[in-house]
Amino acid sequence: MLEEVPSIFLVGPMGAGKTTVGRLLAKQLSREFVDSDWYIEMQTGADIPWIFAKEGEAGFRARETRAIDELTQRPNIVLATGGGAVMAEENRRYLHERGIVVYLNAPVDIQLIRTAKDKSRPLLQQPNPKKVLQELYRIRDPLYQEVAHIVLPTGHTYPRHMVQQLLTQLQVLSAEASKYE
């Protein structure tokens, strides 16, 4: 039944586990895994901090919207999006209409632990990263909630267990959808 599930798009804050869970989920479903940030880096030949430094956040977000548009049109993929992808209404529409969106909801303290030493996150290169994460969560959580078909709390269990929980929820969604076809 899971073969019939459309592409799966993971959203959530940085440090929520989108890449880790996405890779494991793709393997379980025998699907291609794509991380939108890595895709942007591959397309541009530059890393995200460099793009932020040269083009600013607005330049990066424009690239991100093009990438989300392209990637959400691919069949049968598992896509991990960047934490800020939901900021653009266009991205939220692409994600919500073209697949199943899973919001990996990580509390700020978990995000802080997981991102503490990561220098590749331009938005956290501040004197008070916890304050930045709190503000981002305040702004973005309603948007993650809006776009999500499934909300999965993170930080309380192992990624493999989360994938099993997610597979169960996807089966339920797939069964419900097939009732109306």
Protein backbone atom coordinates (compact mmCIF):
# COMPACT_ATOMS: atom_id res chain seq x y z
CA MET A 1 0.00 0.00 0.00
CA LEU A 2 2.90 2.37 0.67
CA GLU A 3 3.96 2.12 -2.97
CA GLU A 4 0.95 4.31 -3.77
CA VAL A 5 1.98 7.07 -1.34
CA PRO A 6 3.02 10.20 -3.26
CA SER A 7 6.33 11.94 -2.69
CA ILE A 8 7.07 12.79 0.93
CA PHE A 9 8.39 16.20 1.93
CA LEU A 10 9.97 16.77 5.34
CA VAL A 11 9.74 20.24 6.87
CA GLY A 12 10.82 21.58 10.22
CA PRO A 13 13.46 23.66 11.95
CA MET A 14 17.19 23.14 11.58
CA GLY A 15 18.32 20.29 13.78
CA ALA A 16 14.95 18.51 13.65
CA GLY A 17 16.44 15.49 11.87
CA LYS A 18 14.99 15.98 8.39
CA THR A 19 18.08 14.65 6.62
CA THR A 20 18.60 11.70 8.97
CA VAL A 21 14.95 10.66 9.00
CA GLY A 22 14.61 11.36 5.27
CA ARG A 23 17.50 9.07 4.36
CA LEU A 24 16.15 6.25 6.53
CA LEU A 25 12.61 6.70 5.21
CA ALA A 26 13.78 6.72 1.58
CA LYS A 27 15.71 3.51 2.18
CA GLN A 28 12.64 1.84 3.74
CA LEU A 29 10.49 2.90 0.78
CA SER A 30 13.18 2.24 -1.87
CA ARG A 31 12.94 5.85 -3.02
CA GLU A 32 15.36 8.57 -4.00
CA PHE A 33 16.34 10.91 -1.15
CA VAL A 34 17.07 14.57 -1.88
CA ASP A 35 18.07 17.34 0.52
CA SER A 36 17.03 20.69 -0.97
CA ASP A 37 20.05 22.52 0.47
CA TRP A 38 22.44 19.97 -1.05
CA TYR A 39 20.54 20.23 -4.34
CA ILE A 40 20.99 24.02 -4.34
CA GLU A 41 24.70 23.61 -3.59
CA MET A 42 25.04 21.09 -6.42
CA GLN A 43 23.21 23.39 -8.87
CA THR A 44 25.23 26.48 -7.97
CA GLY A 45 28.60 24.94 -7.20
CA ALA A 46 28.67 26.96 -3.98
CA ASP A 47 27.80 26.18 -0.37
CA ILE A 48 24.89 27.79 1.48
CA PRO A 49 27.04 30.12 3.66
CA TRP A 50 28.75 31.46 0.51
CA ILE A 51 25.36 32.05 -1.19
CA PHE A 52 24.13 33.90 1.93
CA ALA A 53 27.32 35.98 2.03
CA LYS A 54 27.21 36.92 -1.68
CA GLU A 55 23.47 37.11 -2.39
CA GLY A 56 21.96 37.59 1.05
CA GLU A 57 19.04 35.63 2.42
CA ALA A 58 16.74 36.95 -0.34
CA GLY A 59 19.03 35.56 -3.04
CA PHE A 60 19.21 32.20 -1.32
CA ARG A 61 15.42 32.07 -0.84
CA ALA A 62 14.85 32.74 -4.56
CA ARG A 63 17.14 29.80 -5.38
CA GLU A 64 15.33 27.71 -2.78
CA THR A 65 11.92 28.42 -4.34
CA ARG A 66 13.17 27.32 -7.78
CA ALA A 67 14.61 24.15 -6.22
CA ILE A 68 11.41 23.36 -4.29
CA ASP A 69 9.36 23.83 -7.47
CA GLU A 70 11.62 21.44 -9.42
CA LEU A 71 12.00 18.84 -6.68
CA THR A 72 8.33 18.63 -5.70
CA GLN A 73 7.50 17.69 -9.28
CA ARG A 74 9.66 14.57 -9.10
CA PRO A 75 7.70 11.37 -8.52
CA ASN A 76 8.32 9.06 -5.57
CA ILE A 77 11.00 10.99 -3.73
CA VAL A 78 11.67 11.78 -0.10
CA LEU A 79 12.67 15.44 0.17
CA ALA A 80 14.24 17.16 3.18
CA THR A 81 13.69 20.90 2.91
CA GLY A 82 15.65 23.71 4.53
CA GLY A 83 14.21 25.10 7.76
CA GLY A 84 13.11 28.36 6.14
CA ALA A 85 11.52 26.84 3.03
CA VAL A 86 8.03 27.36 4.46
CA MET A 87 8.51 31.13 4.65
CA ALA A 88 7.49 31.53 1.01
CA GLU A 89 3.79 31.02 0.31
CA GLU A 90 4.71 29.57 -3.08
CA ASN A 91 6.85 26.87 -1.43
CA ARG A 92 4.09 25.97 1.01
CA ARG A 93 1.68 25.56 -1.91
CA TYR A 94 4.12 23.38 -3.90
CA LEU A 95 4.78 21.19 -0.88
CA HIS A 96 1.20 20.80 0.31
CA GLU A 97 -0.33 20.18 -3.12
CA ARG A 98 2.32 17.89 -4.60
CA GLY A 99 2.91 15.32 -1.88
CA ILE A 100 2.60 14.42 1.77
CA VAL A 101 4.23 16.93 4.09
CA VAL A 102 5.67 15.70 7.38
CA TYR A 103 6.56 18.30 10.00
CA LEU A 104 9.38 17.12 12.25
CA ASN A 105 8.69 19.27 15.30
CA ALA A 106 11.84 19.71 17.41
CA PRO A 107 11.84 21.80 20.59
CA VAL A 108 14.33 24.68 20.64
CA ASP A 109 16.54 22.96 23.24
CA ILE A 110 16.94 19.94 20.93
CA GLN A 111 17.69 22.24 17.98
CA LEU A 112 20.34 24.05 20.03
CA ILE A 113 22.10 20.82 21.02
CA ARG A 114 22.09 19.50 17.46
CA THR A 115 23.29 22.72 15.81
CA ALA A 116 25.69 24.05 18.49
CA LYS A 117 28.93 23.38 16.64
CA ASP A 118 27.65 23.57 13.06
CA LYS A 119 29.33 26.50 11.32
CA SER A 120 27.42 25.87 8.06
CA ARG A 121 24.24 27.49 9.38
CA PRO A 122 24.44 31.21 8.52
CA LEU A 123 21.43 32.22 10.62
CA LEU A 124 23.09 30.87 13.78
CA GLN A 125 26.38 32.73 13.47
CA GLN A 126 25.19 35.13 16.17
CA PRO A 127 26.19 35.79 19.80
CA ASN A 128 22.94 34.22 21.07
CA PRO A 129 21.89 31.27 18.84
CA LYS A 130 19.23 30.13 21.32
CA LYS A 131 17.42 33.45 20.98
CA VAL A 132 17.62 33.15 17.18
CA LEU A 133 16.20 29.61 17.29
CA GLN A 134 13.38 30.71 19.61
CA GLU A 135 12.42 33.56 17.30
CA LEU A 136 12.59 31.35 14.19
CA TYR A 137 10.41 28.74 15.91
CA ARG A 138 7.87 31.39 16.95
CA ILE A 139 7.59 32.64 13.36
CA ARG A 140 7.85 29.35 11.48
CA ASP A 141 5.94 26.85 13.66
CA PRO A 142 2.50 28.11 12.48
CA LEU A 143 3.67 27.77 8.86
CA TYR A 144 4.97 24.23 9.43
CA GLN A 145 1.64 23.37 11.05
CA GLU A 146 -0.28 24.92 8.14
CA VAL A 147 1.51 22.93 5.45
CA ALA A 148 1.78 19.58 7.29
CA HIS A 149 -0.32 16.51 6.68
CA ILE A 150 1.51 14.73 9.54
CA VAL A 151 3.21 16.24 12.60
CA LEU A 152 5.88 14.08 14.24
CA PRO A 153 7.62 15.25 17.44
CA THR A 154 11.40 14.73 17.39
CA GLY A 155 14.14 14.56 19.96
CA HIS A 156 12.49 11.93 22.16
CA THR A 157 13.31 8.72 20.32
CA TYR A 158 15.79 7.20 17.89
CA PRO A 159 15.50 8.10 14.18
CA ARG A 160 14.75 4.47 13.20
CA HIS A 161 11.84 4.42 15.65
CA MET A 162 10.58 7.73 14.24
CA VAL A 163 10.66 6.23 10.74
CA GLN A 164 8.58 3.29 11.94
CA GLN A 165 6.05 5.70 13.50
CA LEU A 166 5.98 7.65 10.27
CA LEU A 167 5.47 4.54 8.12
CA THR A 168 2.48 3.63 10.29
CA GLN A 169 0.99 7.11 9.86
CA LEU A 170 1.60 7.00 6.11
CA GLN A 171 -0.23 3.67 5.87
CA VAL A 172 -3.20 5.19 7.69
CA LEU A 173 -3.21 8.21 5.37
CA SER A 174 -2.92 5.96 2.32
CA ALA A 175 -5.80 3.76 3.51
CA GLU A 176 -8.00 6.80 4.16
CA ALA A 177 -7.21 8.25 0.72
CA SER A 178 -8.03 4.98 -1.04
CA LYS A 179 -11.53 4.97 0.53
CA TYR A 180 -12.41 8.08 -1.46
CA GLU A 181 -11.04 7.03 -4.85
